[in-house]
Amino acid sequence: MATRAAIERALIDMKRLVASRMTVDMAGADAERSRAHIENLIDSTVLGGKCERSRLLVDTYMSLEPKGNFSAAVQLSTSMELLQSFFLVIDDVMDQSVTRRGKPCWYRQPGIGLSAINDGLLLDCTVDLMIRNAIPENPNLNSILAALAEVKRKTVIGQLIDSSIQGYADCNWTRYSQLVEHKTSHYTYFSPIQIALLLANIPDHMAEVRKICYDIGYLFQSQDDYLDVFGDEKVTGKVGTDLKEGKCTWVTCKTFEKVPAEETKVLKEIFGRSDDGSVEELRRVIRGLKVEKEFQKFQEEFVEDLQKRISEFPLVKLRPSLEDAVKRIINRKK
């Protein structure tokens, strides 16, 4: 809890710093208007999140270096929140999402519209700024900047995979694994821990770290997919759209894996159609195949395997962070 409180304070300080640095060569009414817009953007899209990635970075670093520079780690972690918001702002426009964190998505707020794309790019511009501001003398500064650049590359490729899915044939476990690795696992779990290791100057076991973080991310994304269909939108804070958009998700892959031959033709015809009748028919098929129960079984077995592997992980000082990462998402509701 202390870590999150520190991050939230740092985010408030970051808002003022970013607004000032981004308008450093401006003056007069344009400067004031731009600063006000940037602060409103950060208030609406960055503040109020769960801070999971930034907390993972800070807590991992402190477990690796108990006497390390907590303040620098916290400041550095704000870059993860800015990056997350950049992705979400753009993603919501592409998916035509309705709500985010229980309120209208940024692009749906008054006077924003498609200018949200530029606002997303603005947030992206602030990521390197905050890294350089937090750790200007760190010997691994360039490696950390490169790590964040790799996050962007992986994530935009993940978005490309996601947006290029064309119906039933593209919804399979191979494509799903690629999608999860690129769109979720790398930046949600591997990147915060990778940066913590670099900050602590412990570049050991990076291949093993990547593998287990990708698997934790797979669990996290499969839960997101489950909640999109079966979750309570009052709890999740967003309206599920995966079925309407014909997304390749854990739920749809499992549905296509289990569907009997006699229902395949109907499923091919309705999958990806956005009308209410088709979506409800798809829900009926999913319920009939007991996909909800299949997910519960999958989650239980996957968590058990993860916990066993973490207990044997070669970098002992990293085990608590990995254990906590899994513990925090078991049976989550949002």
C-alpha atoms as a PDB file:
ATOM      1  CA  MET A   1       0.000   0.000   0.000  1.00  0.00           C
ATOM      2  CA  ALA A   2       2.894   2.363   0.772  1.00  0.00           C
ATOM      3  CA  THR A   3       4.281   1.783  -2.720  1.00  0.00           C
ATOM      4  CA  ARG A   4       1.013   2.663  -4.414  1.00  0.00           C
ATOM      5  CA  ALA A   5       0.606   5.817  -2.307  1.00  0.00           C
ATOM      6  CA  ALA A   6       4.139   6.897  -3.245  1.00  0.00           C
ATOM      7  CA  ILE A   7       3.437   6.253  -6.927  1.00  0.00           C
ATOM      8  CA  GLU A   8       0.184   8.212  -6.797  1.00  0.00           C
ATOM      9  CA  ARG A   9       2.011  11.191  -5.263  1.00  0.00           C
ATOM     10  CA  ALA A  10       4.709  10.906  -7.917  1.00  0.00           C
ATOM     11  CA  LEU A  11       2.071  10.872 -10.652  1.00  0.00           C
ATOM     12  CA  ILE A  12       0.648  14.158  -9.378  1.00  0.00           C
ATOM     13  CA  ASP A  13       4.130  15.706  -9.394  1.00  0.00           C
ATOM     14  CA  MET A  14       4.724  14.199 -12.832  1.00  0.00           C
ATOM     15  CA  LYS A  15       1.590  15.875 -14.204  1.00  0.00           C
ATOM     16  CA  ARG A  16       2.929  19.342 -13.460  1.00  0.00           C
ATOM     17  CA  LEU A  17       6.412  18.482 -14.718  1.00  0.00           C
ATOM     18  CA  VAL A  18       5.137  17.031 -17.992  1.00  0.00           C
ATOM     19  CA  ALA A  19       2.801  19.962 -18.660  1.00  0.00           C
ATOM     20  CA  SER A  20       5.698  22.355 -18.100  1.00  0.00           C
ATOM     21  CA  ARG A  21       8.325  20.432 -20.115  1.00  0.00           C
ATOM     22  CA  MET A  22       6.029  19.767 -23.070  1.00  0.00           C
ATOM     23  CA  THR A  23       5.242  23.486 -23.438  1.00  0.00           C
ATOM     24  CA  VAL A  24       8.710  24.816 -22.595  1.00  0.00           C
ATOM     25  CA  ASP A  25       9.030  26.783 -25.845  1.00  0.00           C
ATOM     26  CA  MET A  26       5.506  28.260 -25.731  1.00  0.00           C
ATOM     27  CA  ALA A  27       4.126  31.445 -24.189  1.00  0.00           C
ATOM     28  CA  GLY A  28       0.876  33.298 -23.611  1.00  0.00           C
ATOM     29  CA  ALA A  29      -2.627  31.906 -24.038  1.00  0.00           C
ATOM     30  CA  ASP A  30      -1.523  28.945 -26.184  1.00  0.00           C
ATOM     31  CA  ALA A  31       0.888  27.797 -23.487  1.00  0.00           C
ATOM     32  CA  GLU A  32      -1.751  28.093 -20.764  1.00  0.00           C
ATOM     33  CA  ARG A  33      -4.358  26.275 -22.859  1.00  0.00           C
ATOM     34  CA  SER A  34      -1.917  23.507 -23.776  1.00  0.00           C
ATOM     35  CA  ARG A  35      -0.782  23.013 -20.176  1.00  0.00           C
ATOM     36  CA  ALA A  36      -4.400  22.865 -19.010  1.00  0.00           C
ATOM     37  CA  HIS A  37      -5.209  20.289 -21.691  1.00  0.00           C
ATOM     38  CA  ILE A  38      -2.202  18.128 -20.793  1.00  0.00           C
ATOM     39  CA  GLU A  39      -3.073  18.201 -17.092  1.00  0.00           C
ATOM     40  CA  ASN A  40      -6.688  17.282 -17.889  1.00  0.00           C
ATOM     41  CA  LEU A  41      -5.475  14.454 -20.139  1.00  0.00           C
ATOM     42  CA  ILE A  42      -3.292  13.050 -17.358  1.00  0.00           C
ATOM     43  CA  ASP A  43      -6.043  13.476 -14.755  1.00  0.00           C
ATOM     44  CA  SER A  44      -8.481  11.568 -16.963  1.00  0.00           C
ATOM     45  CA  THR A  45      -6.276   8.839 -18.423  1.00  0.00           C
ATOM     46  CA  VAL A  46      -3.285   8.297 -16.123  1.00  0.00           C
ATOM     47  CA  LEU A  47      -4.427   9.020 -12.576  1.00  0.00           C
ATOM     48  CA  GLY A  48      -6.870   6.625 -10.954  1.00  0.00           C
ATOM     49  CA  GLY A  49      -5.479   3.419 -12.419  1.00  0.00           C
ATOM     50  CA  LYS A  50      -4.479   0.318 -10.471  1.00  0.00           C
ATOM     51  CA  CYS A  51      -0.751   1.101 -10.944  1.00  0.00           C
ATOM     52  CA  GLU A  52      -0.020  -2.615 -11.311  1.00  0.00           C
ATOM     53  CA  ARG A  53       2.946  -2.236 -13.669  1.00  0.00           C
ATOM     54  CA  SER A  54       4.552   0.595 -11.725  1.00  0.00           C
ATOM     55  CA  ARG A  55       4.069  -1.223  -8.426  1.00  0.00           C
ATOM     56  CA  LEU A  56       5.606  -4.359  -9.888  1.00  0.00           C
ATOM     57  CA  LEU A  57       8.640  -2.357 -11.006  1.00  0.00           C
ATOM     58  CA  VAL A  58       9.151  -0.616  -7.657  1.00  0.00           C
ATOM     59  CA  ASP A  59       8.459  -3.632  -5.443  1.00  0.00           C
ATOM     60  CA  THR A  60      10.722  -5.846  -7.553  1.00  0.00           C
ATOM     61  CA  TYR A  61      13.539  -3.318  -7.422  1.00  0.00           C
ATOM     62  CA  MET A  62      13.252  -2.976  -3.634  1.00  0.00           C
ATOM     63  CA  SER A  63      13.262  -6.762  -3.170  1.00  0.00           C
ATOM     64  CA  LEU A  64      16.439  -6.905  -5.257  1.00  0.00           C
ATOM     65  CA  GLU A  65      18.012  -3.851  -3.585  1.00  0.00           C
ATOM     66  CA  PRO A  66      16.470  -3.331  -0.100  1.00  0.00           C
ATOM     67  CA  LYS A  67      18.727  -0.305   0.450  1.00  0.00           C
ATOM     68  CA  GLY A  68      18.247   1.032  -3.068  1.00  0.00           C
ATOM     69  CA  ASN A  69      16.933   4.435  -4.149  1.00  0.00           C
ATOM     70  CA  PHE A  70      13.183   4.067  -3.572  1.00  0.00           C
ATOM     71  CA  SER A  71      12.440   7.609  -4.742  1.00  0.00           C
ATOM     72  CA  ALA A  72      14.212   7.137  -8.082  1.00  0.00           C
ATOM     73  CA  ALA A  73      12.419   3.828  -8.653  1.00  0.00           C
ATOM     74  CA  VAL A  74       9.054   5.464  -7.955  1.00  0.00           C
ATOM     75  CA  GLN A  75       9.791   8.350 -10.322  1.00  0.00           C
ATOM     76  CA  LEU A  76      10.941   5.906 -12.988  1.00  0.00           C
ATOM     77  CA  SER A  77       7.770   3.864 -12.553  1.00  0.00           C
ATOM     78  CA  THR A  78       5.595   6.798 -13.658  1.00  0.00           C
ATOM     79  CA  SER A  79       6.861   6.115 -17.178  1.00  0.00           C
ATOM     80  CA  MET A  80       5.023   2.769 -17.062  1.00  0.00           C
ATOM     81  CA  GLU A  81       1.748   4.515 -16.229  1.00  0.00           C
ATOM     82  CA  LEU A  82       2.223   7.027 -19.055  1.00  0.00           C
ATOM     83  CA  LEU A  83       2.981   4.210 -21.481  1.00  0.00           C
ATOM     84  CA  GLN A  84      -0.061   2.259 -20.321  1.00  0.00           C
ATOM     85  CA  SER A  85      -2.311   5.280 -20.810  1.00  0.00           C
ATOM     86  CA  PHE A  86      -0.863   5.920 -24.280  1.00  0.00           C
ATOM     87  CA  PHE A  87      -1.775   2.373 -25.304  1.00  0.00           C
ATOM     88  CA  LEU A  88      -5.256   2.535 -23.763  1.00  0.00           C
ATOM     89  CA  VAL A  89      -6.212   5.888 -25.290  1.00  0.00           C
ATOM     90  CA  ILE A  90      -5.342   4.637 -28.784  1.00  0.00           C
ATOM     91  CA  ASP A  91      -6.796   1.162 -28.179  1.00  0.00           C
ATOM     92  CA  ASP A  92     -10.146   2.578 -27.073  1.00  0.00           C
ATOM     93  CA  VAL A  93     -10.410   4.598 -30.293  1.00  0.00           C
ATOM     94  CA  MET A  94      -9.580   1.554 -32.433  1.00  0.00           C
ATOM     95  CA  ASP A  95     -12.007  -0.700 -30.559  1.00  0.00           C
ATOM     96  CA  GLN A  96     -14.664   2.019 -30.252  1.00  0.00           C
ATOM     97  CA  SER A  97     -14.871   1.194 -26.554  1.00  0.00           C
ATOM     98  CA  VAL A  98     -17.470   2.975 -24.464  1.00  0.00           C
ATOM     99  CA  THR A  99     -16.094   3.163 -20.935  1.00  0.00           C
ATOM    100  CA  ARG A 100     -12.732   2.956 -19.221  1.00  0.00           C
ATOM    101  CA  ARG A 101     -12.339   2.798 -15.426  1.00  0.00           C
ATOM    102  CA  GLY A 102     -16.052   3.405 -15.001  1.00  0.00           C
ATOM    103  CA  LYS A 103     -16.256   6.618 -17.056  1.00  0.00           C
ATOM    104  CA  PRO A 104     -16.445   7.500 -20.758  1.00  0.00           C
ATOM    105  CA  CYS A 105     -13.279   6.734 -22.711  1.00  0.00           C
ATOM    106  CA  TRP A 106     -11.095   9.771 -23.394  1.00  0.00           C
ATOM    107  CA  TYR A 107     -12.124  10.033 -27.062  1.00  0.00           C
ATOM    108  CA  ARG A 108     -15.798  10.095 -26.009  1.00  0.00           C
ATOM    109  CA  GLN A 109     -15.357  13.025 -23.654  1.00  0.00           C
ATOM    110  CA  PRO A 110     -16.629  16.472 -24.752  1.00  0.00           C
ATOM    111  CA  GLY A 111     -14.463  18.202 -27.333  1.00  0.00           C
ATOM    112  CA  ILE A 112     -12.024  15.292 -27.764  1.00  0.00           C
ATOM    113  CA  GLY A 113     -13.107  12.856 -30.492  1.00  0.00           C
ATOM    114  CA  LEU A 114     -10.357  11.709 -32.841  1.00  0.00           C
ATOM    115  CA  SER A 115      -7.935  14.270 -31.418  1.00  0.00           C
ATOM    116  CA  ALA A 116      -7.489  11.558 -28.767  1.00  0.00           C
ATOM    117  CA  ILE A 117      -5.009   9.976 -31.196  1.00  0.00           C
ATOM    118  CA  ASN A 118      -2.771  13.036 -30.915  1.00  0.00           C
ATOM    119  CA  ASP A 119      -3.223  12.991 -27.140  1.00  0.00           C
ATOM    120  CA  GLY A 120      -2.065   9.381 -27.105  1.00  0.00           C
ATOM    121  CA  LEU A 121       1.045  10.374 -29.041  1.00  0.00           C
ATOM    122  CA  LEU A 122       1.564  13.216 -26.576  1.00  0.00           C
ATOM    123  CA  LEU A 123       1.575  10.723 -23.710  1.00  0.00           C
ATOM    124  CA  ASP A 124       4.078   8.616 -25.630  1.00  0.00           C
ATOM    125  CA  CYS A 125       6.390  11.641 -25.917  1.00  0.00           C
ATOM    126  CA  THR A 126       6.503  11.917 -22.139  1.00  0.00           C
ATOM    127  CA  VAL A 127       7.774   8.376 -21.471  1.00  0.00           C
ATOM    128  CA  ASP A 128      11.445   8.980 -22.299  1.00  0.00           C
ATOM    129  CA  LEU A 129      11.241  12.384 -20.629  1.00  0.00           C
ATOM    130  CA  MET A 130      10.275  10.841 -17.290  1.00  0.00           C
ATOM    131  CA  ILE A 131      12.912   8.105 -17.532  1.00  0.00           C
ATOM    132  CA  ARG A 132      15.700  10.607 -18.170  1.00  0.00           C
ATOM    133  CA  ASN A 133      14.396  12.837 -15.394  1.00  0.00           C
ATOM    134  CA  ALA A 134      14.274   9.965 -12.868  1.00  0.00           C
ATOM    135  CA  ILE A 135      17.680   8.336 -13.458  1.00  0.00           C
ATOM    136  CA  PRO A 136      19.915  10.750 -15.427  1.00  0.00           C
ATOM    137  CA  GLU A 137      23.169   9.214 -14.125  1.00  0.00           C
ATOM    138  CA  ASN A 138      22.226   5.534 -14.029  1.00  0.00           C
ATOM    139  CA  PRO A 139      24.753   3.415 -15.982  1.00  0.00           C
ATOM    140  CA  ASN A 140      21.900   1.376 -17.473  1.00  0.00           C
ATOM    141  CA  LEU A 141      19.882   4.397 -18.640  1.00  0.00           C
ATOM    142  CA  ASN A 142      20.296   3.539 -22.326  1.00  0.00           C
ATOM    143  CA  SER A 143      19.388  -0.102 -21.708  1.00  0.00           C
ATOM    144  CA  ILE A 144      16.225   0.981 -19.901  1.00  0.00           C
ATOM    145  CA  LEU A 145      15.309   3.351 -22.736  1.00  0.00           C
ATOM    146  CA  ALA A 146      15.893   0.503 -25.191  1.00  0.00           C
ATOM    147  CA  ALA A 147      13.694  -1.786 -23.078  1.00  0.00           C
ATOM    148  CA  LEU A 148      10.817   0.702 -23.299  1.00  0.00           C
ATOM    149  CA  ALA A 149      11.330   1.052 -27.055  1.00  0.00           C
ATOM    150  CA  GLU A 150      11.031  -2.731 -27.317  1.00  0.00           C
ATOM    151  CA  VAL A 151       7.794  -2.604 -25.314  1.00  0.00           C
ATOM    152  CA  LYS A 152       6.332  -0.247 -27.904  1.00  0.00           C
ATOM    153  CA  ARG A 153       7.458  -2.439 -30.802  1.00  0.00           C
ATOM    154  CA  LYS A 154       6.018  -5.602 -29.275  1.00  0.00           C
ATOM    155  CA  THR A 155       2.758  -3.928 -28.319  1.00  0.00           C
ATOM    156  CA  VAL A 156       2.026  -2.292 -31.673  1.00  0.00           C
ATOM    157  CA  ILE A 157       2.690  -5.631 -33.385  1.00  0.00           C
ATOM    158  CA  GLY A 158       0.265  -7.193 -30.911  1.00  0.00           C
ATOM    159  CA  GLN A 159      -2.297  -4.560 -31.840  1.00  0.00           C
ATOM    160  CA  LEU A 160      -1.677  -5.325 -35.518  1.00  0.00           C
ATOM    161  CA  ILE A 161      -2.344  -9.023 -34.913  1.00  0.00           C
ATOM    162  CA  ASP A 162      -5.473  -8.158 -32.939  1.00  0.00           C
ATOM    163  CA  SER A 163      -6.904  -5.816 -35.567  1.00  0.00           C
ATOM    164  CA  SER A 164      -6.095  -8.083 -38.535  1.00  0.00           C
ATOM    165  CA  ILE A 165      -8.122 -11.071 -37.330  1.00  0.00           C
ATOM    166  CA  GLN A 166     -10.718 -11.931 -39.969  1.00  0.00           C
ATOM    167  CA  GLY A 167     -13.278 -14.332 -38.655  1.00  0.00           C
ATOM    168  CA  TYR A 168     -13.445 -17.918 -37.519  1.00  0.00           C
ATOM    169  CA  ALA A 169     -10.306 -19.206 -39.285  1.00  0.00           C
ATOM    170  CA  ASP A 170      -8.061 -16.688 -37.520  1.00  0.00           C
ATOM    171  CA  CYS A 171      -9.298 -17.610 -34.061  1.00  0.00           C
ATOM    172  CA  ASN A 172      -6.921 -20.356 -32.907  1.00  0.00           C
ATOM    173  CA  TRP A 173      -4.525 -21.047 -30.045  1.00  0.00           C
ATOM    174  CA  THR A 174      -1.367 -20.367 -32.082  1.00  0.00           C
ATOM    175  CA  ARG A 175      -2.508 -16.889 -33.043  1.00  0.00           C
ATOM    176  CA  TYR A 176      -3.798 -16.285 -29.523  1.00  0.00           C
ATOM    177  CA  SER A 177      -0.406 -17.094 -27.971  1.00  0.00           C
ATOM    178  CA  GLN A 178       1.329 -14.676 -30.357  1.00  0.00           C
ATOM    179  CA  LEU A 179      -1.247 -12.013 -29.600  1.00  0.00           C
ATOM    180  CA  VAL A 180      -0.909 -12.343 -25.827  1.00  0.00           C
ATOM    181  CA  GLU A 181       2.895 -12.298 -25.894  1.00  0.00           C
ATOM    182  CA  HIS A 182       3.012  -9.118 -27.956  1.00  0.00           C
ATOM    183  CA  LYS A 183       0.007  -7.185 -26.700  1.00  0.00           C
ATOM    184  CA  THR A 184      -0.018  -8.052 -22.998  1.00  0.00           C
ATOM    185  CA  SER A 185       2.682 -10.235 -21.456  1.00  0.00           C
ATOM    186  CA  HIS A 186       5.750  -8.317 -22.540  1.00  0.00           C
ATOM    187  CA  TYR A 187       4.783  -4.906 -21.249  1.00  0.00           C
ATOM    188  CA  THR A 188       2.549  -5.913 -18.358  1.00  0.00           C
ATOM    189  CA  TYR A 189       4.903  -8.358 -16.637  1.00  0.00           C
ATOM    190  CA  PHE A 190       8.262  -8.795 -18.330  1.00  0.00           C
ATOM    191  CA  SER A 191       9.026  -5.116 -18.894  1.00  0.00           C
ATOM    192  CA  PRO A 192       8.513  -3.873 -15.290  1.00  0.00           C
ATOM    193  CA  ILE A 193      10.652  -6.710 -13.927  1.00  0.00           C
ATOM    194  CA  GLN A 194      13.269  -6.315 -16.666  1.00  0.00           C
ATOM    195  CA  ILE A 195      13.582  -2.598 -15.868  1.00  0.00           C
ATOM    196  CA  ALA A 196      13.817  -3.322 -12.126  1.00  0.00           C
ATOM    197  CA  LEU A 197      16.647  -5.780 -12.824  1.00  0.00           C
ATOM    198  CA  LEU A 198      18.453  -3.213 -14.984  1.00  0.00           C
ATOM    199  CA  LEU A 199      17.940  -0.498 -12.375  1.00  0.00           C
ATOM    200  CA  ALA A 200      19.489  -2.826  -9.783  1.00  0.00           C
ATOM    201  CA  ASN A 201      22.224  -3.783 -12.279  1.00  0.00           C
ATOM    202  CA  ILE A 202      21.295  -7.484 -12.110  1.00  0.00           C
ATOM    203  CA  PRO A 203      20.964  -8.634 -15.733  1.00  0.00           C
ATOM    204  CA  ASP A 204      21.077 -12.333 -14.804  1.00  0.00           C
ATOM    205  CA  HIS A 205      18.581 -15.020 -15.854  1.00  0.00           C
ATOM    206  CA  MET A 206      16.782 -12.682 -18.272  1.00  0.00           C
ATOM    207  CA  ALA A 207      15.657 -15.555 -20.539  1.00  0.00           C
ATOM    208  CA  GLU A 208      14.085 -17.392 -17.588  1.00  0.00           C
ATOM    209  CA  VAL A 209      12.497 -14.156 -16.366  1.00  0.00           C
ATOM    210  CA  ARG A 210      11.004 -13.553 -19.804  1.00  0.00           C
ATOM    211  CA  LYS A 211       9.501 -17.050 -19.996  1.00  0.00           C
ATOM    212  CA  ILE A 212       7.777 -17.001 -16.628  1.00  0.00           C
ATOM    213  CA  CYS A 213       6.591 -13.404 -17.064  1.00  0.00           C
ATOM    214  CA  TYR A 214       5.080 -14.292 -20.427  1.00  0.00           C
ATOM    215  CA  ASP A 215       3.185 -17.123 -18.756  1.00  0.00           C
ATOM    216  CA  ILE A 216       1.901 -14.856 -15.975  1.00  0.00           C
ATOM    217  CA  GLY A 217       0.789 -12.476 -18.718  1.00  0.00           C
ATOM    218  CA  TYR A 218      -1.002 -15.333 -20.468  1.00  0.00           C
ATOM    219  CA  LEU A 219      -2.990 -15.977 -17.300  1.00  0.00           C
ATOM    220  CA  PHE A 220      -3.756 -12.261 -16.924  1.00  0.00           C
ATOM    221  CA  GLN A 221      -4.970 -11.885 -20.521  1.00  0.00           C
ATOM    222  CA  SER A 222      -7.083 -15.030 -20.368  1.00  0.00           C
ATOM    223  CA  GLN A 223      -8.763 -13.563 -17.278  1.00  0.00           C
ATOM    224  CA  ASP A 224      -9.416 -10.317 -19.159  1.00  0.00           C
ATOM    225  CA  ASP A 225     -11.014 -12.330 -21.949  1.00  0.00           C
ATOM    226  CA  TYR A 226     -13.144 -14.229 -19.457  1.00  0.00           C
ATOM    227  CA  LEU A 227     -14.269 -11.033 -17.716  1.00  0.00           C
ATOM    228  CA  ASP A 228     -15.166  -9.391 -21.033  1.00  0.00           C
ATOM    229  CA  VAL A 229     -17.818 -12.078 -21.542  1.00  0.00           C
ATOM    230  CA  PHE A 230     -18.727 -13.225 -18.030  1.00  0.00           C
ATOM    231  CA  GLY A 231     -17.760 -10.257 -15.826  1.00  0.00           C
ATOM    232  CA  ASP A 232     -20.031  -7.679 -14.215  1.00  0.00           C
ATOM    233  CA  GLU A 233     -19.480  -4.380 -16.042  1.00  0.00           C
ATOM    234  CA  LYS A 234     -20.325  -2.499 -12.836  1.00  0.00           C
ATOM    235  CA  VAL A 235     -17.259  -4.157 -11.312  1.00  0.00           C
ATOM    236  CA  THR A 236     -14.958  -4.266 -14.350  1.00  0.00           C
ATOM    237  CA  GLY A 237     -15.687  -0.640 -15.253  1.00  0.00           C
ATOM    238  CA  LYS A 238     -16.067  -1.355 -18.966  1.00  0.00           C
ATOM    239  CA  VAL A 239     -18.590  -2.812 -21.384  1.00  0.00           C
ATOM    240  CA  GLY A 240     -17.414  -6.047 -22.988  1.00  0.00           C
ATOM    241  CA  THR A 241     -17.072  -5.894 -26.786  1.00  0.00           C
ATOM    242  CA  ASP A 242     -14.978  -8.955 -27.697  1.00  0.00           C
ATOM    243  CA  LEU A 243     -17.864 -11.057 -29.033  1.00  0.00           C
ATOM    244  CA  LYS A 244     -19.347  -8.183 -31.012  1.00  0.00           C
ATOM    245  CA  GLU A 245     -15.972  -7.458 -32.621  1.00  0.00           C
ATOM    246  CA  GLY A 246     -15.071 -11.076 -33.351  1.00  0.00           C
ATOM    247  CA  LYS A 247     -11.882 -11.009 -31.261  1.00  0.00           C
ATOM    248  CA  CYS A 248      -9.449 -13.888 -30.910  1.00  0.00           C
ATOM    249  CA  THR A 249      -9.652 -14.512 -27.156  1.00  0.00           C
ATOM    250  CA  TRP A 250      -9.307 -17.368 -24.695  1.00  0.00           C
ATOM    251  CA  VAL A 251     -13.100 -17.666 -24.614  1.00  0.00           C
ATOM    252  CA  THR A 252     -13.566 -17.776 -28.387  1.00  0.00           C
ATOM    253  CA  CYS A 253     -10.619 -20.137 -28.938  1.00  0.00           C
ATOM    254  CA  LYS A 254     -12.009 -22.539 -26.341  1.00  0.00           C
ATOM    255  CA  THR A 255     -15.471 -22.234 -27.891  1.00  0.00           C
ATOM    256  CA  PHE A 256     -14.181 -23.138 -31.354  1.00  0.00           C
ATOM    257  CA  GLU A 257     -12.140 -25.984 -29.883  1.00  0.00           C
ATOM    258  CA  LYS A 258     -15.198 -27.521 -28.228  1.00  0.00           C
ATOM    259  CA  VAL A 259     -18.008 -26.755 -30.679  1.00  0.00           C
ATOM    260  CA  PRO A 260     -19.526 -29.892 -32.247  1.00  0.00           C
ATOM    261  CA  ALA A 261     -19.394 -30.250 -36.032  1.00  0.00           C
ATOM    262  CA  GLU A 262     -23.130 -29.664 -36.470  1.00  0.00           C
ATOM    263  CA  GLU A 263     -22.877 -26.186 -34.908  1.00  0.00           C
ATOM    264  CA  THR A 264     -19.706 -25.081 -36.701  1.00  0.00           C
ATOM    265  CA  LYS A 265     -21.520 -23.675 -39.746  1.00  0.00           C
ATOM    266  CA  VAL A 266     -23.785 -21.483 -37.605  1.00  0.00           C
ATOM    267  CA  LEU A 267     -20.845 -20.309 -35.510  1.00  0.00           C
ATOM    268  CA  LYS A 268     -18.870 -19.313 -38.612  1.00  0.00           C
ATOM    269  CA  GLU A 269     -21.819 -17.274 -39.851  1.00  0.00           C
ATOM    270  CA  ILE A 270     -22.443 -15.328 -36.645  1.00  0.00           C
ATOM    271  CA  PHE A 271     -18.884 -14.847 -35.372  1.00  0.00           C
ATOM    272  CA  GLY A 272     -17.801 -11.236 -35.765  1.00  0.00           C
ATOM    273  CA  ARG A 273     -21.286  -9.922 -36.539  1.00  0.00           C
ATOM    274  CA  SER A 274     -22.178  -6.981 -34.313  1.00  0.00           C
ATOM    275  CA  ASP A 275     -25.967  -7.183 -34.274  1.00  0.00           C
ATOM    276  CA  ASP A 276     -27.512  -8.074 -30.921  1.00  0.00           C
ATOM    277  CA  GLY A 277     -29.119 -11.259 -32.240  1.00  0.00           C
ATOM    278  CA  SER A 278     -25.823 -12.728 -33.444  1.00  0.00           C
ATOM    279  CA  VAL A 279     -24.009 -11.779 -30.244  1.00  0.00           C
ATOM    280  CA  GLU A 280     -26.725 -13.365 -28.108  1.00  0.00           C
ATOM    281  CA  GLU A 281     -26.649 -16.532 -30.224  1.00  0.00           C
ATOM    282  CA  LEU A 282     -22.876 -16.711 -29.739  1.00  0.00           C
ATOM    283  CA  ARG A 283     -23.385 -16.304 -25.992  1.00  0.00           C
ATOM    284  CA  ARG A 284     -25.887 -19.168 -26.086  1.00  0.00           C
ATOM    285  CA  VAL A 285     -23.328 -21.428 -27.760  1.00  0.00           C
ATOM    286  CA  ILE A 286     -20.657 -20.431 -25.234  1.00  0.00           C
ATOM    287  CA  ARG A 287     -22.966 -21.164 -22.305  1.00  0.00           C
ATOM    288  CA  GLY A 288     -24.004 -24.491 -23.818  1.00  0.00           C
ATOM    289  CA  LEU A 289     -20.382 -25.572 -24.139  1.00  0.00           C
ATOM    290  CA  LYS A 290     -19.756 -24.689 -20.479  1.00  0.00           C
ATOM    291  CA  VAL A 291     -16.799 -22.472 -21.382  1.00  0.00           C
ATOM    292  CA  GLU A 292     -17.116 -20.668 -18.049  1.00  0.00           C
ATOM    293  CA  LYS A 293     -16.446 -23.905 -16.172  1.00  0.00           C
ATOM    294  CA  GLU A 294     -13.610 -24.760 -18.577  1.00  0.00           C
ATOM    295  CA  PHE A 295     -11.942 -21.470 -17.714  1.00  0.00           C
ATOM    296  CA  GLN A 296     -12.149 -22.085 -13.971  1.00  0.00           C
ATOM    297  CA  LYS A 297     -10.461 -25.467 -14.452  1.00  0.00           C
ATOM    298  CA  PHE A 298      -7.774 -23.954 -16.695  1.00  0.00           C
ATOM    299  CA  GLN A 299      -7.063 -21.145 -14.237  1.00  0.00           C
ATOM    300  CA  GLU A 300      -6.704 -23.478 -11.266  1.00  0.00           C
ATOM    301  CA  GLU A 301      -4.256 -25.777 -13.067  1.00  0.00           C
ATOM    302  CA  PHE A 302      -2.281 -22.920 -14.633  1.00  0.00           C
ATOM    303  CA  VAL A 303      -1.854 -21.134 -11.294  1.00  0.00           C
ATOM    304  CA  GLU A 304      -0.700 -24.347  -9.613  1.00  0.00           C
ATOM    305  CA  ASP A 305       1.965 -24.852 -12.292  1.00  0.00           C
ATOM    306  CA  LEU A 306       3.130 -21.227 -12.071  1.00  0.00           C
ATOM    307  CA  GLN A 307       3.459 -21.368  -8.307  1.00  0.00           C
ATOM    308  CA  LYS A 308       5.542 -24.548  -8.503  1.00  0.00           C
ATOM    309  CA  ARG A 309       7.895 -23.022 -11.082  1.00  0.00           C
ATOM    310  CA  ILE A 310       8.270 -19.820  -9.082  1.00  0.00           C
ATOM    311  CA  SER A 311       9.199 -21.791  -5.958  1.00  0.00           C
ATOM    312  CA  GLU A 312      12.108 -23.258  -7.957  1.00  0.00           C
ATOM    313  CA  PHE A 313      13.111 -20.063  -9.781  1.00  0.00           C
ATOM    314  CA  PRO A 314      16.936 -19.695  -9.941  1.00  0.00           C
ATOM    315  CA  LEU A 315      17.067 -16.000  -8.984  1.00  0.00           C
ATOM    316  CA  VAL A 316      15.889 -16.390  -5.390  1.00  0.00           C
ATOM    317  CA  LYS A 317      15.548 -12.656  -4.700  1.00  0.00           C
ATOM    318  CA  LEU A 318      13.012 -12.413  -7.519  1.00  0.00           C
ATOM    319  CA  ARG A 319      10.694 -15.120  -6.192  1.00  0.00           C
ATOM    320  CA  PRO A 320       8.662 -12.825  -3.867  1.00  0.00           C
ATOM    321  CA  SER A 321       7.815 -10.458  -6.742  1.00  0.00           C
ATOM    322  CA  LEU A 322       6.765 -13.295  -9.015  1.00  0.00           C
ATOM    323  CA  GLU A 323       4.713 -14.912  -6.245  1.00  0.00           C
ATOM    324  CA  ASP A 324       2.976 -11.610  -5.526  1.00  0.00           C
ATOM    325  CA  ALA A 325       2.288 -10.989  -9.231  1.00  0.00           C
ATOM    326  CA  VAL A 326       0.405 -14.281  -9.447  1.00  0.00           C
ATOM    327  CA  LYS A 327      -1.315 -13.891  -6.080  1.00  0.00           C
ATOM    328  CA  ARG A 328      -2.675 -10.469  -7.048  1.00  0.00           C
ATOM    329  CA  ILE A 329      -4.574 -11.795 -10.065  1.00  0.00           C
ATOM    330  CA  ILE A 330      -5.918 -15.138  -8.832  1.00  0.00           C
ATOM    331  CA  ASN A 331      -9.722 -15.118  -9.269  1.00  0.00           C
ATOM    332  CA  ARG A 332      -9.751 -11.371  -9.952  1.00  0.00           C
ATOM    333  CA  LYS A 333     -13.074  -9.708 -10.806  1.00  0.00           C
ATOM    334  CA  LYS A 334     -11.774  -6.687 -12.719  1.00  0.00           C
END
